[in-house]
Amino acid sequence: MEQDEKERQSFEVKLEHAKEILENLSNPELSLSDGMKKYQEGIAILQEATKMIEEAKLEYVRLQSHGEKQ
């Protein structure tokens, strides 16, 4: 998946993808190497989702403070 496509994914899609990875990690037949790759992918997705939440919080605070000034 291209980096631009990853950035365009919605928060909900990122969470769903992270859930799928978690399910894959629960598979006892998954090799250690594949498990580590999936784990790293999951961590990256969760970091992107966390960044989206932080940006949304900042936007909310900005809108709240802008509304109070009017």
N, C-alpha and C. Protein backbone atom coordinates (compact mmCIF):
# COMPACT_ATOMS: atom_id res chain seq x y z
N MET A 1 0.85 -1.18 0.00
CA MET A 1 0.00 0.00 0.00
C MET A 1 0.89 1.24 0.00
N GLU A 2 0.58 2.18 -0.88
CA GLU A 2 1.35 3.42 -0.98
C GLU A 2 1.19 4.25 0.29
N GLN A 3 2.18 5.07 0.62
CA GLN A 3 2.12 5.91 1.81
C GLN A 3 0.95 6.88 1.74
N ASP A 4 0.69 7.45 0.56
CA ASP A 4 -0.44 8.38 0.42
C ASP A 4 -1.76 7.70 0.72
N GLU A 5 -1.91 6.45 0.29
CA GLU A 5 -3.14 5.71 0.56
C GLU A 5 -3.31 5.48 2.05
N LYS A 6 -2.22 5.15 2.74
CA LYS A 6 -2.28 4.93 4.19
C LYS A 6 -2.74 6.20 4.89
N GLU A 7 -2.23 7.34 4.47
CA GLU A 7 -2.57 8.60 5.11
C GLU A 7 -4.03 8.97 4.89
N ARG A 8 -4.61 8.53 3.77
CA ARG A 8 -5.98 8.87 3.45
C ARG A 8 -6.99 7.97 4.14
N GLN A 9 -6.53 6.86 4.71
CA GLN A 9 -7.45 5.96 5.37
C GLN A 9 -8.10 6.65 6.57
N SER A 10 -9.34 6.36 6.77
CA SER A 10 -10.03 6.95 7.90
C SER A 10 -9.57 6.29 9.20
N PHE A 11 -9.86 6.95 10.27
CA PHE A 11 -9.52 6.43 11.60
C PHE A 11 -10.16 5.06 11.80
N GLU A 12 -11.41 4.93 11.39
CA GLU A 12 -12.13 3.67 11.57
C GLU A 12 -11.48 2.54 10.79
N VAL A 13 -11.04 2.83 9.56
CA VAL A 13 -10.37 1.82 8.74
C VAL A 13 -9.07 1.39 9.40
N LYS A 14 -8.35 2.35 9.95
CA LYS A 14 -7.09 2.02 10.63
C LYS A 14 -7.34 1.10 11.83
N LEU A 15 -8.37 1.40 12.61
CA LEU A 15 -8.68 0.55 13.76
C LEU A 15 -9.09 -0.85 13.32
N GLU A 16 -9.87 -0.93 12.27
CA GLU A 16 -10.30 -2.24 11.77
C GLU A 16 -9.09 -3.05 11.30
N HIS A 17 -8.18 -2.39 10.61
CA HIS A 17 -6.96 -3.07 10.14
C HIS A 17 -6.12 -3.54 11.33
N ALA A 18 -6.03 -2.72 12.36
CA ALA A 18 -5.28 -3.11 13.56
C ALA A 18 -5.92 -4.33 14.22
N LYS A 19 -7.26 -4.38 14.24
CA LYS A 19 -7.96 -5.53 14.81
C LYS A 19 -7.66 -6.79 14.01
N GLU A 20 -7.63 -6.67 12.69
CA GLU A 20 -7.32 -7.81 11.84
C GLU A 20 -5.90 -8.32 12.12
N ILE A 21 -4.98 -7.40 12.29
CA ILE A 21 -3.60 -7.79 12.59
C ILE A 21 -3.54 -8.50 13.93
N LEU A 22 -4.26 -8.00 14.91
CA LEU A 22 -4.30 -8.64 16.22
C LEU A 22 -4.82 -10.08 16.11
N GLU A 23 -5.86 -10.25 15.31
CA GLU A 23 -6.39 -11.60 15.09
C GLU A 23 -5.34 -12.49 14.44
N ASN A 24 -4.61 -11.95 13.45
CA ASN A 24 -3.55 -12.72 12.79
C ASN A 24 -2.46 -13.11 13.77
N LEU A 25 -2.15 -12.21 14.70
CA LEU A 25 -1.10 -12.50 15.68
C LEU A 25 -1.51 -13.61 16.64
N SER A 26 -2.80 -13.84 16.76
CA SER A 26 -3.30 -14.89 17.64
C SER A 26 -3.19 -16.28 17.01
N ASN A 27 -2.85 -16.33 15.74
CA ASN A 27 -2.74 -17.59 15.02
C ASN A 27 -1.46 -18.33 15.47
N PRO A 28 -1.60 -19.50 16.08
CA PRO A 28 -0.42 -20.22 16.57
C PRO A 28 0.48 -20.73 15.44
N GLU A 29 -0.02 -20.77 14.21
CA GLU A 29 0.79 -21.23 13.08
C GLU A 29 1.61 -20.11 12.45
N LEU A 30 1.44 -18.90 12.91
CA LEU A 30 2.19 -17.76 12.38
C LEU A 30 3.64 -17.86 12.80
N SER A 31 4.54 -17.73 11.84
CA SER A 31 5.97 -17.82 12.17
C SER A 31 6.41 -16.59 12.96
N LEU A 32 7.51 -16.73 13.66
CA LEU A 32 8.04 -15.61 14.45
C LEU A 32 8.34 -14.42 13.55
N SER A 33 8.95 -14.68 12.41
CA SER A 33 9.29 -13.60 11.48
C SER A 33 8.03 -12.88 10.98
N ASP A 34 7.04 -13.65 10.55
CA ASP A 34 5.80 -13.04 10.09
C ASP A 34 5.07 -12.32 11.22
N GLY A 35 5.14 -12.90 12.41
CA GLY A 35 4.53 -12.28 13.57
C GLY A 35 5.16 -10.93 13.88
N MET A 36 6.47 -10.86 13.79
CA MET A 36 7.16 -9.59 14.05
C MET A 36 6.80 -8.55 13.00
N LYS A 37 6.68 -8.97 11.74
CA LYS A 37 6.29 -8.04 10.67
C LYS A 37 4.88 -7.51 10.92
N LYS A 38 3.97 -8.41 11.28
CA LYS A 38 2.59 -8.00 11.56
C LYS A 38 2.54 -7.07 12.77
N TYR A 39 3.32 -7.40 13.80
CA TYR A 39 3.37 -6.57 15.01
C TYR A 39 3.84 -5.16 14.66
N GLN A 40 4.91 -5.05 13.88
CA GLN A 40 5.42 -3.74 13.49
C GLN A 40 4.40 -2.97 12.66
N GLU A 41 3.72 -3.68 11.77
CA GLU A 41 2.68 -3.04 10.95
C GLU A 41 1.55 -2.53 11.85
N GLY A 42 1.16 -3.34 12.81
CA GLY A 42 0.10 -2.94 13.73
C GLY A 42 0.47 -1.72 14.56
N ILE A 43 1.70 -1.71 15.05
CA ILE A 43 2.17 -0.56 15.83
C ILE A 43 2.16 0.71 14.97
N ALA A 44 2.60 0.60 13.73
CA ALA A 44 2.62 1.77 12.84
C ALA A 44 1.20 2.29 12.60
N ILE A 45 0.26 1.38 12.40
CA ILE A 45 -1.13 1.78 12.16
C ILE A 45 -1.69 2.46 13.40
N LEU A 46 -1.44 1.90 14.57
CA LEU A 46 -1.94 2.51 15.81
C LEU A 46 -1.30 3.88 16.06
N GLN A 47 -0.04 4.05 15.69
CA GLN A 47 0.60 5.36 15.83
C GLN A 47 -0.07 6.38 14.91
N GLU A 48 -0.41 5.95 13.68
CA GLU A 48 -1.10 6.84 12.75
C GLU A 48 -2.48 7.22 13.30
N ALA A 49 -3.18 6.24 13.86
CA ALA A 49 -4.51 6.51 14.43
C ALA A 49 -4.40 7.46 15.62
N THR A 50 -3.39 7.26 16.44
CA THR A 50 -3.18 8.15 17.59
C THR A 50 -2.90 9.57 17.13
N LYS A 51 -2.12 9.70 16.07
CA LYS A 51 -1.82 11.02 15.52
C LYS A 51 -3.11 11.68 15.03
N MET A 52 -3.98 10.89 14.41
CA MET A 52 -5.26 11.44 13.93
C MET A 52 -6.10 11.94 15.10
N ILE A 53 -6.11 11.19 16.21
CA ILE A 53 -6.86 11.60 17.39
C ILE A 53 -6.29 12.90 17.95
N GLU A 54 -4.97 12.99 18.05
CA GLU A 54 -4.34 14.20 18.57
C GLU A 54 -4.65 15.40 17.69
N GLU A 55 -4.61 15.21 16.37
CA GLU A 55 -4.93 16.31 15.46
C GLU A 55 -6.39 16.73 15.61
N ALA A 56 -7.27 15.77 15.79
CA ALA A 56 -8.69 16.09 15.98
C ALA A 56 -8.89 16.85 17.29
N LYS A 57 -8.17 16.46 18.34
CA LYS A 57 -8.27 17.18 19.62
C LYS A 57 -7.82 18.63 19.46
N LEU A 58 -6.71 18.82 18.77
CA LEU A 58 -6.20 20.18 18.56
C LEU A 58 -7.20 21.01 17.76
N GLU A 59 -7.80 20.41 16.74
CA GLU A 59 -8.79 21.12 15.94
C GLU A 59 -10.01 21.47 16.78
N TYR A 60 -10.43 20.55 17.63
CA TYR A 60 -11.57 20.80 18.52
C TYR A 60 -11.27 21.96 19.46
N VAL A 61 -10.10 21.94 20.07
CA VAL A 61 -9.72 23.02 20.99
C VAL A 61 -9.65 24.35 20.24
N ARG A 62 -9.10 24.31 19.03
CA ARG A 62 -9.00 25.53 18.23
C ARG A 62 -10.39 26.07 17.91
N LEU A 63 -11.31 25.19 17.53
CA LEU A 63 -12.66 25.63 17.22
C LEU A 63 -13.39 26.14 18.46
N GLN A 64 -13.17 25.49 19.59
CA GLN A 64 -13.78 25.93 20.85
C GLN A 64 -13.28 27.32 21.22
N SER A 65 -11.98 27.53 21.15
CA SER A 65 -11.44 28.83 21.53
C SER A 65 -11.85 29.90 20.53
N HIS A 66 -11.98 29.54 19.27
CA HIS A 66 -12.43 30.50 18.26
C HIS A 66 -13.88 30.88 18.52
N GLY A 67 -14.70 29.91 18.92
CA GLY A 67 -16.11 30.18 19.22
C GLY A 67 -16.30 31.06 20.44
N GLU A 68 -15.42 30.93 21.43
CA GLU A 68 -15.52 31.73 22.65
C GLU A 68 -15.12 33.18 22.41
N LYS A 69 -14.29 33.41 21.42
CA LYS A 69 -13.84 34.78 21.14
C LYS A 69 -14.90 35.61 20.43
N GLN A 70 -15.89 34.94 19.85
CA GLN A 70 -16.91 35.67 19.09
C GLN A 70 -17.96 36.25 19.98
